Amino acid sequence: MASTTRTGLDLEEAGSPRSGSTGSVAGRAFLGVGLLLIAFSAVSFVLGGGSHAFAQKPLDLNINLVAANRLVHHEPLYDRSSSRVQAIALGGPSMNGSYTVPTNSFPGPPSTALLHAPFLLFDHGTGVAVFRWLAMVGMAAAVALTANSLPKGSRLPAGVFGLGVLLAGGATLGTLQFGQGHEFVMLGFAAGIWGVSNERWKIAGVGFGLATVLKLSPALLLVYLLIRGRREVLASAAATIGVLTAVAAAIGRPDDLLIWFRDVVPGVSGGAFTIINQSLPGLAARAFSGRTDLQATAELGAWHYLAFPIVAGAAFGLWRLRRGKSVDPMEIGILLMVGLIAGPLSWNHYATWAVLPLVLAADPRRWVGRSTTEARALILGLALAVILLIPTVGTPSATAVRAHWMTRITSSPYVVAEVLILFVLAGLLRTGRRSVA
């Protein structure tokens, strides 16, 4: 028998003729848009976008490979001067500017180096190619797993839509160019979302534990689930974090984790002024600064504290809205977006994470029972967000910044897109009714 899950206001019966019609139209729309985006991406790839992505020097991957090499040879992970020498030997002159500030050194915990160690088995060129292809496959698998958390009738349109946004997104191109390992984090998020959707809390803990041990900020999701009374996630999350950390310590140097917390985390937690930091604190710092060089490597200063009220306010508001109700996977999507927006350090390629909440938003059931005005507002916000996510982030000239203040805002398209997605998710969570197949 079909059951119903109430999410917000029950505006109409999910089984009514209008309800079925609305869901069907929404499903076809998401499927169609997804197919168009996939076709657009295929044409772009054939016309040179793919070769451009794979021709770029993988600066971030080189840094992680150096760390992996140092891990397996029991060398200090966070020795900048020695690491820089190895990075230049590995990647050539393109690595000359690396390891000059905390944000272009190896900022990850030892577990990040551990997950890159298998790619040392290949020569550098082959290892980079294998990593990039696996990154793309892994991110697509994360989209598929997130779509699989939805009822059967919603999986195809949501999955195709999410895959289309992933393939067309400028952040995905940046991920492949720089050699970022977002597939690991996104698979962790996707496993967590699947676990929440199916009330498999241990699996949710493993997924969010994996994401946390790599990027730290996903710990917000674990804290929120604990506040919501889902303490079952704690043991499996702690086990996942503990195992990866212990293996990295056994292979490398046990004191590396302590050095990371002591020396690295304070340096990167201050954020970065540069335009590739697409967080709200980063945008605010650039908007109200006298600097016209938006690529400056300075820290955010006091603006990085903006992250705390954003996270605290959003988490508290979500808890107030949902307390006493079952945990909805959309809550996870909302907090994932909050983490991206708050930063204070959200590199432009982190926007690939936003694809997973978009998959949740593409569930046709979420669009049932809405007034025309509300539906139009949500559709407009979603469409603008997707459009803003497609280009890569450009850097305006100092002359343009001096001439037009709005350039400081428009040069942060991913921040604007992520804020729009957040409001769409909140709207979809707060109102309407969905049926569970």
Protein backbone atom coordinates (compact mmCIF):
# COMPACT_ATOMS: atom_id res chain seq x y z
CA MET A 1 0.00 0.00 0.00
CA ALA A 2 1.16 3.52 -0.72
CA SER A 3 1.86 5.69 2.29
CA THR A 4 2.13 9.44 2.57
CA THR A 5 4.74 11.59 4.17
CA ARG A 6 3.70 15.10 5.12
CA THR A 7 6.17 17.85 4.32
CA GLY A 8 4.83 21.26 5.23
CA LEU A 9 1.28 22.28 4.33
CA ASP A 10 -1.09 19.66 2.92
CA LEU A 11 -2.57 21.78 0.15
CA GLU A 12 -4.34 18.99 -1.71
CA GLU A 13 -4.67 15.27 -1.88
CA ALA A 14 -1.66 13.69 -3.57
CA GLY A 15 -3.89 11.22 -5.33
CA SER A 16 -6.19 13.79 -6.92
CA PRO A 17 -6.30 14.20 -10.72
CA ARG A 18 -4.61 17.58 -10.51
CA SER A 19 -1.89 16.12 -8.27
CA GLY A 20 -1.06 13.38 -10.78
CA SER A 21 -1.11 15.84 -13.67
CA THR A 22 1.22 18.25 -11.89
CA GLY A 23 3.70 15.52 -11.02
CA SER A 24 3.65 14.16 -14.55
CA VAL A 25 4.28 17.57 -16.11
CA ALA A 26 7.10 18.27 -13.65
CA GLY A 27 8.67 14.89 -14.38
CA ARG A 28 8.61 15.44 -18.12
CA ALA A 29 10.01 18.95 -17.68
CA PHE A 30 12.96 17.81 -15.59
CA LEU A 31 13.64 14.92 -17.94
CA GLY A 32 13.55 17.22 -20.96
CA VAL A 33 15.79 19.86 -19.43
CA GLY A 34 18.24 17.19 -18.31
CA LEU A 35 18.43 15.70 -21.81
CA LEU A 36 18.97 19.16 -23.32
CA LEU A 37 21.82 19.84 -20.90
CA ILE A 38 23.41 16.47 -21.67
CA ALA A 39 23.18 17.21 -25.39
CA PHE A 40 24.68 20.66 -24.83
CA SER A 41 27.54 19.10 -22.87
CA ALA A 42 28.18 16.50 -25.57
CA VAL A 43 28.41 19.19 -28.26
CA SER A 44 30.73 21.28 -26.07
CA PHE A 45 32.94 18.25 -25.48
CA VAL A 46 33.19 17.48 -29.18
CA LEU A 47 33.96 21.12 -29.99
CA GLY A 48 36.94 21.16 -27.67
CA GLY A 49 35.68 21.54 -24.13
CA GLY A 50 36.80 18.04 -23.22
CA SER A 51 40.28 18.43 -24.66
CA HIS A 52 40.61 21.78 -22.88
CA ALA A 53 39.71 20.18 -19.55
CA PHE A 54 42.20 17.36 -19.98
CA ALA A 55 44.97 19.61 -21.31
CA GLN A 56 44.97 21.83 -18.22
CA LYS A 57 47.76 21.25 -15.71
CA PRO A 58 46.20 19.47 -12.69
CA LEU A 59 47.57 21.81 -10.04
CA ASP A 60 45.48 20.52 -7.15
CA LEU A 61 45.96 16.89 -8.07
CA ASN A 62 49.72 17.41 -8.22
CA ILE A 63 49.65 18.82 -4.70
CA ASN A 64 47.63 15.83 -3.48
CA LEU A 65 49.92 13.37 -5.28
CA VAL A 66 52.94 14.97 -3.63
CA ALA A 67 51.19 14.55 -0.28
CA ALA A 68 50.37 10.92 -1.09
CA ASN A 69 53.99 10.25 -2.03
CA ARG A 70 55.21 11.84 1.17
CA LEU A 71 52.66 9.83 3.17
CA VAL A 72 53.84 6.46 1.86
CA HIS A 73 57.49 7.47 2.38
CA HIS A 74 56.84 8.61 5.97
CA GLU A 75 57.82 12.22 5.21
CA PRO A 76 56.13 15.22 6.88
CA LEU A 77 52.98 16.06 4.93
CA TYR A 78 52.95 19.75 5.74
CA ASP A 79 56.57 20.70 5.06
CA ARG A 80 55.95 23.38 2.44
CA SER A 81 59.49 23.91 1.21
CA SER A 82 60.23 20.21 0.60
CA SER A 83 56.78 19.64 -0.88
CA ARG A 84 57.24 22.55 -3.29
CA VAL A 85 60.47 21.06 -4.62
CA GLN A 86 58.70 17.76 -5.25
CA ALA A 87 55.69 19.49 -6.83
CA ILE A 88 57.88 21.34 -9.33
CA ALA A 89 59.70 18.11 -10.17
CA LEU A 90 56.33 16.41 -10.72
CA GLY A 91 54.35 19.13 -12.49
CA GLY A 92 57.00 21.41 -13.95
CA PRO A 93 57.05 25.21 -13.95
CA SER A 94 53.27 25.42 -13.50
CA MET A 95 53.86 24.52 -9.84
CA ASN A 96 56.28 27.41 -9.19
CA GLY A 97 53.61 29.42 -7.41
CA SER A 98 52.45 26.62 -5.16
CA TYR A 99 53.04 26.32 -1.42
CA THR A 100 53.39 30.09 -0.96
CA VAL A 101 50.27 30.50 1.23
CA PRO A 102 48.16 27.99 3.17
CA THR A 103 45.43 27.93 0.52
CA ASN A 104 47.74 26.80 -2.30
CA SER A 105 49.63 24.25 -0.23
CA PHE A 106 48.30 20.83 0.83
CA PRO A 107 45.31 21.80 3.00
CA GLY A 108 43.73 18.39 3.43
CA PRO A 109 44.00 15.98 6.37
CA PRO A 110 46.16 12.84 6.05
CA SER A 111 43.11 10.86 4.91
CA THR A 112 43.01 12.95 1.71
CA ALA A 113 46.58 11.95 0.93
CA LEU A 114 45.67 8.32 1.67
CA LEU A 115 42.86 8.26 -0.94
CA HIS A 116 45.25 9.60 -3.58
CA ALA A 117 47.95 7.02 -2.87
CA PRO A 118 46.63 4.38 -5.34
CA PHE A 119 47.27 6.77 -8.23
CA LEU A 120 51.00 6.64 -7.48
CA LEU A 121 50.97 3.18 -9.07
CA PHE A 122 50.78 4.85 -12.51
CA ASP A 123 53.20 7.14 -14.26
CA HIS A 124 52.17 10.78 -13.83
CA GLY A 125 50.38 11.22 -17.15
CA THR A 126 48.43 7.98 -16.89
CA GLY A 127 47.61 8.59 -13.25
CA VAL A 128 46.18 12.03 -14.03
CA ALA A 129 44.04 10.67 -16.88
CA VAL A 130 42.75 7.78 -14.76
CA PHE A 131 41.98 10.12 -11.88
CA ARG A 132 40.03 12.52 -14.08
CA TRP A 133 37.92 9.80 -15.67
CA LEU A 134 37.22 8.20 -12.31
CA ALA A 135 36.32 11.61 -10.90
CA MET A 136 33.72 12.06 -13.61
CA VAL A 137 32.36 8.54 -13.15
CA GLY A 138 32.32 8.97 -9.37
CA MET A 139 30.41 12.25 -9.51
CA ALA A 140 27.89 10.75 -11.93
CA ALA A 141 27.51 7.76 -9.60
CA ALA A 142 26.81 10.15 -6.72
CA VAL A 143 24.03 11.72 -8.79
CA ALA A 144 22.61 8.26 -9.54
CA LEU A 145 22.74 7.21 -5.88
CA THR A 146 20.99 10.41 -4.80
CA ALA A 147 18.30 9.84 -7.43
CA ASN A 148 17.97 6.27 -6.15
CA SER A 149 16.97 7.68 -2.76
CA LEU A 150 13.73 8.87 -4.39
CA PRO A 151 10.67 6.72 -5.21
CA LYS A 152 10.88 4.77 -8.46
CA GLY A 153 8.74 7.14 -10.48
CA SER A 154 10.94 10.10 -9.57
CA ARG A 155 14.36 8.57 -10.14
CA LEU A 156 14.66 8.91 -13.91
CA PRO A 157 13.69 12.59 -14.28
CA ALA A 158 15.64 13.66 -11.19
CA GLY A 159 18.70 11.61 -12.15
CA VAL A 160 18.77 12.81 -15.76
CA PHE A 161 18.29 16.41 -14.64
CA GLY A 162 21.10 16.11 -12.09
CA LEU A 163 23.42 14.47 -14.61
CA GLY A 164 22.67 17.22 -17.11
CA VAL A 165 23.54 19.96 -14.62
CA LEU A 166 26.69 18.08 -13.60
CA LEU A 167 27.93 17.67 -17.18
CA ALA A 168 27.07 21.23 -18.21
CA GLY A 169 28.36 22.92 -15.06
CA GLY A 170 31.43 25.10 -15.11
CA ALA A 171 32.39 23.79 -11.68
CA THR A 172 32.67 20.28 -13.12
CA LEU A 173 35.07 21.55 -15.76
CA GLY A 174 37.13 23.18 -13.01
CA THR A 175 37.09 19.96 -11.00
CA LEU A 176 38.54 18.01 -13.92
CA GLN A 177 41.03 20.72 -14.86
CA PHE A 178 42.53 21.07 -11.40
CA GLY A 179 42.18 17.40 -10.54
CA GLN A 180 39.94 17.80 -7.52
CA GLY A 181 38.66 14.68 -5.77
CA HIS A 182 35.07 15.75 -5.34
CA GLU A 183 33.87 12.30 -6.31
CA PHE A 184 34.89 11.04 -2.85
CA VAL A 185 33.00 13.79 -1.03
CA MET A 186 29.95 13.61 -3.30
CA LEU A 187 29.71 9.84 -2.94
CA GLY A 188 29.81 10.35 0.81
CA PHE A 189 27.01 12.92 0.62
CA ALA A 190 24.98 10.69 -1.69
CA ALA A 191 25.32 7.67 0.60
CA GLY A 192 24.25 9.85 3.51
CA ILE A 193 21.21 11.16 1.64
CA TRP A 194 20.25 7.62 0.62
CA GLY A 195 20.62 6.48 4.22
CA VAL A 196 18.41 9.31 5.52
CA SER A 197 15.77 8.68 2.85
CA ASN A 198 15.62 4.97 3.70
CA GLU A 199 16.16 5.46 7.45
CA ARG A 200 19.35 3.44 7.25
CA TRP A 201 21.12 5.60 9.78
CA LYS A 202 24.35 3.61 9.95
CA ILE A 203 24.81 4.00 6.21
CA ALA A 204 24.05 7.71 6.56
CA GLY A 205 26.75 7.92 9.22
CA VAL A 206 29.30 6.19 7.00
CA GLY A 207 28.54 8.54 4.11
CA PHE A 208 28.67 11.74 6.10
CA GLY A 209 31.69 10.44 8.00
CA LEU A 210 33.55 9.96 4.69
CA ALA A 211 32.66 13.49 3.57
CA THR A 212 33.70 14.91 6.95
CA VAL A 213 37.06 13.18 7.11
CA LEU A 214 37.94 14.77 3.75
CA LYS A 215 36.49 18.29 4.03
CA LEU A 216 35.53 18.79 7.71
CA SER A 217 32.62 21.16 6.98
CA PRO A 218 30.16 18.25 6.37
CA ALA A 219 30.39 17.66 10.12
CA LEU A 220 27.49 20.14 10.22
CA LEU A 221 25.24 17.38 8.86
CA LEU A 222 26.27 14.97 11.60
CA VAL A 223 25.71 17.57 14.32
CA TYR A 224 22.29 18.40 12.92
CA LEU A 225 21.23 14.74 12.79
CA LEU A 226 22.31 14.33 16.40
CA ILE A 227 20.23 17.36 17.39
CA ARG A 228 17.31 15.85 15.48
CA GLY A 229 17.62 12.74 17.63
CA ARG A 230 19.30 10.43 15.11
CA ARG A 231 22.15 9.37 17.35
CA GLU A 232 22.54 6.15 15.39
CA VAL A 233 24.67 8.02 12.84
CA LEU A 234 27.37 8.80 15.40
CA ALA A 235 28.90 5.33 15.79
CA SER A 236 29.24 4.57 12.07
CA ALA A 237 30.47 8.11 11.30
CA ALA A 238 33.05 7.92 14.07
CA ALA A 239 34.13 4.46 12.87
CA THR A 240 34.57 5.70 9.29
CA ILE A 241 36.55 8.74 10.37
CA GLY A 242 38.59 6.67 12.81
CA VAL A 243 39.49 3.93 10.36
CA LEU A 244 40.63 6.28 7.59
CA THR A 245 42.57 8.41 10.06
CA ALA A 246 44.20 5.37 11.67
CA VAL A 247 45.23 3.85 8.33
CA ALA A 248 46.71 7.17 7.22
CA ALA A 249 48.63 7.42 10.50
CA ALA A 250 49.87 3.83 10.23
CA ILE A 251 51.16 4.37 6.69
CA GLY A 252 52.47 7.87 7.25
CA ARG A 253 53.40 9.77 10.42
CA PRO A 254 51.06 9.66 13.44
CA ASP A 255 51.68 13.33 14.28
CA ASP A 256 50.53 14.62 10.88
CA LEU A 257 46.91 14.91 12.00
CA LEU A 258 47.92 16.99 15.00
CA ILE A 259 50.04 19.24 12.77
CA TRP A 260 47.09 19.63 10.41
CA PHE A 261 44.80 20.81 13.21
CA ARG A 262 47.49 23.01 14.75
CA ASP A 263 49.12 24.61 11.71
CA VAL A 264 46.92 24.14 8.63
CA VAL A 265 43.31 24.50 9.78
CA PRO A 266 43.82 27.98 11.31
CA GLY A 267 45.42 29.18 8.08
CA VAL A 268 42.64 28.01 5.75
CA SER A 269 39.74 28.79 8.11
CA GLY A 270 40.40 32.49 7.58
CA GLY A 271 39.13 32.10 4.03
CA ALA A 272 40.53 33.79 0.96
CA PHE A 273 39.71 37.08 -0.76
CA THR A 274 40.29 35.69 -4.26
CA ILE A 275 37.34 35.47 -6.61
CA ILE A 276 37.59 31.70 -6.84
CA ASN A 277 36.37 31.62 -3.23
CA GLN A 278 32.67 31.53 -4.10
CA SER A 279 31.30 31.81 -0.58
CA LEU A 280 29.07 34.54 0.83
CA PRO A 281 31.81 35.81 3.19
CA GLY A 282 34.13 35.96 0.17
CA LEU A 283 31.59 37.89 -1.87
CA ALA A 284 30.96 40.30 1.01
CA ALA A 285 34.68 40.92 1.47
CA ARG A 286 35.13 41.68 -2.23
CA ALA A 287 31.99 43.83 -2.36
CA PHE A 288 33.06 46.14 0.46
CA SER A 289 36.80 46.19 -0.06
CA GLY A 290 38.87 48.91 -1.68
CA ARG A 291 40.83 46.28 -3.60
CA THR A 292 40.23 46.10 -7.32
CA ASP A 293 42.38 42.99 -7.85
CA LEU A 294 39.83 40.27 -7.19
CA GLN A 295 42.51 37.59 -7.47
CA ALA A 296 44.36 38.86 -4.38
CA THR A 297 45.52 36.04 -2.09
CA ALA A 298 44.78 37.93 1.14
CA GLU A 299 42.59 36.44 3.85
CA LEU A 300 39.02 37.60 4.43
CA GLY A 301 39.74 39.27 7.73
CA ALA A 302 36.69 39.75 9.95
CA TRP A 303 34.37 38.78 7.11
CA HIS A 304 35.11 35.10 7.68
CA TYR A 305 33.12 35.32 10.94
CA LEU A 306 30.00 35.77 8.81
CA ALA A 307 30.01 32.00 8.36
CA PHE A 308 29.01 31.40 11.98
CA PRO A 309 25.66 33.27 12.05
CA ILE A 310 24.78 31.86 8.61
CA VAL A 311 25.29 28.27 9.77
CA ALA A 312 23.79 28.76 13.23
CA GLY A 313 20.76 30.68 11.95
CA ALA A 314 20.01 28.21 9.17
CA ALA A 315 20.42 25.14 11.39
CA PHE A 316 18.25 26.63 14.14
CA GLY A 317 15.55 27.73 11.72
CA LEU A 318 15.48 24.31 10.09
CA TRP A 319 15.28 22.60 13.46
CA ARG A 320 12.38 24.85 14.52
CA LEU A 321 10.55 24.13 11.29
CA ARG A 322 11.03 20.37 11.39
CA ARG A 323 11.15 19.44 15.07
CA GLY A 324 8.79 16.64 15.94
CA LYS A 325 8.74 15.43 12.33
CA SER A 326 10.70 12.71 10.60
CA VAL A 327 13.97 13.77 8.97
CA ASP A 328 13.37 14.73 5.36
CA PRO A 329 16.32 14.27 2.94
CA MET A 330 15.62 17.83 1.78
CA GLU A 331 16.89 19.00 5.18
CA ILE A 332 20.26 17.48 4.28
CA GLY A 333 20.17 19.23 0.90
CA ILE A 334 19.46 22.55 2.58
CA LEU A 335 22.33 22.18 5.05
CA LEU A 336 24.67 21.10 2.27
CA MET A 337 23.88 24.36 0.48
CA VAL A 338 24.29 26.33 3.71
CA GLY A 339 27.78 24.87 4.11
CA LEU A 340 28.71 25.92 0.58
CA ILE A 341 27.34 29.42 1.02
CA ALA A 342 28.79 30.03 4.49
CA GLY A 343 32.30 28.88 3.60
CA PRO A 344 34.29 30.76 4.61
CA LEU A 345 36.37 28.94 1.97
CA SER A 346 34.33 27.46 -0.88
CA TRP A 347 36.42 27.15 -4.01
CA ASN A 348 34.49 27.61 -7.25
CA HIS A 349 34.71 23.90 -8.09
CA TYR A 350 32.95 23.05 -4.81
CA ALA A 351 29.74 24.08 -6.62
CA THR A 352 29.64 20.53 -8.03
CA TRP A 353 28.25 19.53 -4.62
CA ALA A 354 25.15 21.62 -5.35
CA VAL A 355 24.10 19.09 -8.00
CA LEU A 356 22.97 16.63 -5.33
CA PRO A 357 20.42 18.99 -3.70
CA LEU A 358 19.24 19.83 -7.21
CA VAL A 359 18.48 16.13 -7.72
CA LEU A 360 16.28 16.26 -4.62
CA ALA A 361 14.59 19.40 -5.95
CA ALA A 362 13.83 17.60 -9.22
CA ASP A 363 11.59 15.07 -7.48
CA PRO A 364 8.25 15.65 -9.30
CA ARG A 365 6.30 14.92 -6.11
CA ARG A 366 7.73 18.05 -4.53
CA TRP A 367 5.93 20.22 -7.08
CA VAL A 368 2.44 18.90 -6.34
CA GLY A 369 -0.13 21.11 -4.61
CA ARG A 370 1.37 24.52 -5.33
CA SER A 371 -0.29 27.71 -6.40
CA THR A 372 0.61 29.07 -9.81
CA THR A 373 2.42 32.02 -8.27
CA GLU A 374 4.48 29.84 -5.95
CA ALA A 375 5.34 27.37 -8.68
CA ARG A 376 6.43 30.15 -11.02
CA ALA A 377 8.64 31.70 -8.35
CA LEU A 378 10.31 28.37 -7.58
CA ILE A 379 10.76 27.53 -11.27
CA LEU A 380 12.29 30.96 -11.95
CA GLY A 381 14.72 30.58 -9.04
CA LEU A 382 15.70 27.08 -10.13
CA ALA A 383 16.16 28.08 -13.77
CA LEU A 384 18.31 31.10 -12.90
CA ALA A 385 20.44 28.98 -10.58
CA VAL A 386 21.12 26.38 -13.27
CA ILE A 387 21.94 29.08 -15.83
CA LEU A 388 24.41 30.70 -13.41
CA LEU A 389 26.10 27.36 -12.72
CA ILE A 390 26.89 26.65 -16.38
CA PRO A 391 29.70 29.18 -17.12
CA THR A 392 33.06 29.08 -15.42
CA VAL A 393 33.93 31.90 -13.01
CA GLY A 394 35.71 34.69 -14.86
CA THR A 395 37.98 37.36 -13.40
CA PRO A 396 37.09 40.96 -14.25
CA SER A 397 39.88 43.45 -14.81
CA ALA A 398 40.77 46.00 -12.16
CA THR A 399 39.53 48.70 -14.55
CA ALA A 400 36.11 47.06 -14.79
CA VAL A 401 35.90 46.69 -11.02
CA ARG A 402 36.73 50.38 -10.51
CA ALA A 403 34.20 51.46 -13.13
CA HIS A 404 31.27 49.30 -12.02
CA TRP A 405 30.76 48.32 -8.40
CA MET A 406 28.20 45.67 -9.40
CA THR A 407 31.06 43.75 -11.03
CA ARG A 408 32.05 42.73 -7.50
CA ILE A 409 28.69 40.96 -7.23
CA THR A 410 28.18 39.63 -10.74
CA SER A 411 31.65 38.06 -10.70
CA SER A 412 30.38 35.62 -8.04
CA PRO A 413 27.71 33.74 -10.02
CA TYR A 414 27.99 30.53 -8.04
CA VAL A 415 27.23 32.30 -4.76
CA VAL A 416 24.08 33.80 -6.28
CA ALA A 417 23.13 30.40 -7.76
CA GLU A 418 23.63 28.64 -4.43
CA VAL A 419 21.50 31.20 -2.58
CA LEU A 420 18.75 30.71 -5.16
CA ILE A 421 18.96 26.93 -4.77
CA LEU A 422 18.75 27.29 -1.01
CA PHE A 423 15.53 29.29 -1.25
CA VAL A 424 14.05 26.82 -3.75
CA LEU A 425 14.84 23.88 -1.46
CA ALA A 426 13.36 25.70 1.51
CA GLY A 427 10.22 26.43 -0.48
CA LEU A 428 9.88 22.83 -1.59
CA LEU A 429 10.36 21.58 1.97
CA ARG A 430 8.01 24.04 3.64
CA THR A 431 4.92 23.66 1.50
CA GLY A 432 3.08 21.11 -0.56
CA ARG A 433 2.48 17.41 -0.21
CA ARG A 434 4.23 14.41 -1.70
CA SER A 435 3.23 10.77 -1.88
CA VAL A 436 5.73 8.02 -1.28
CA ALA A 437 5.59 5.11 -3.69
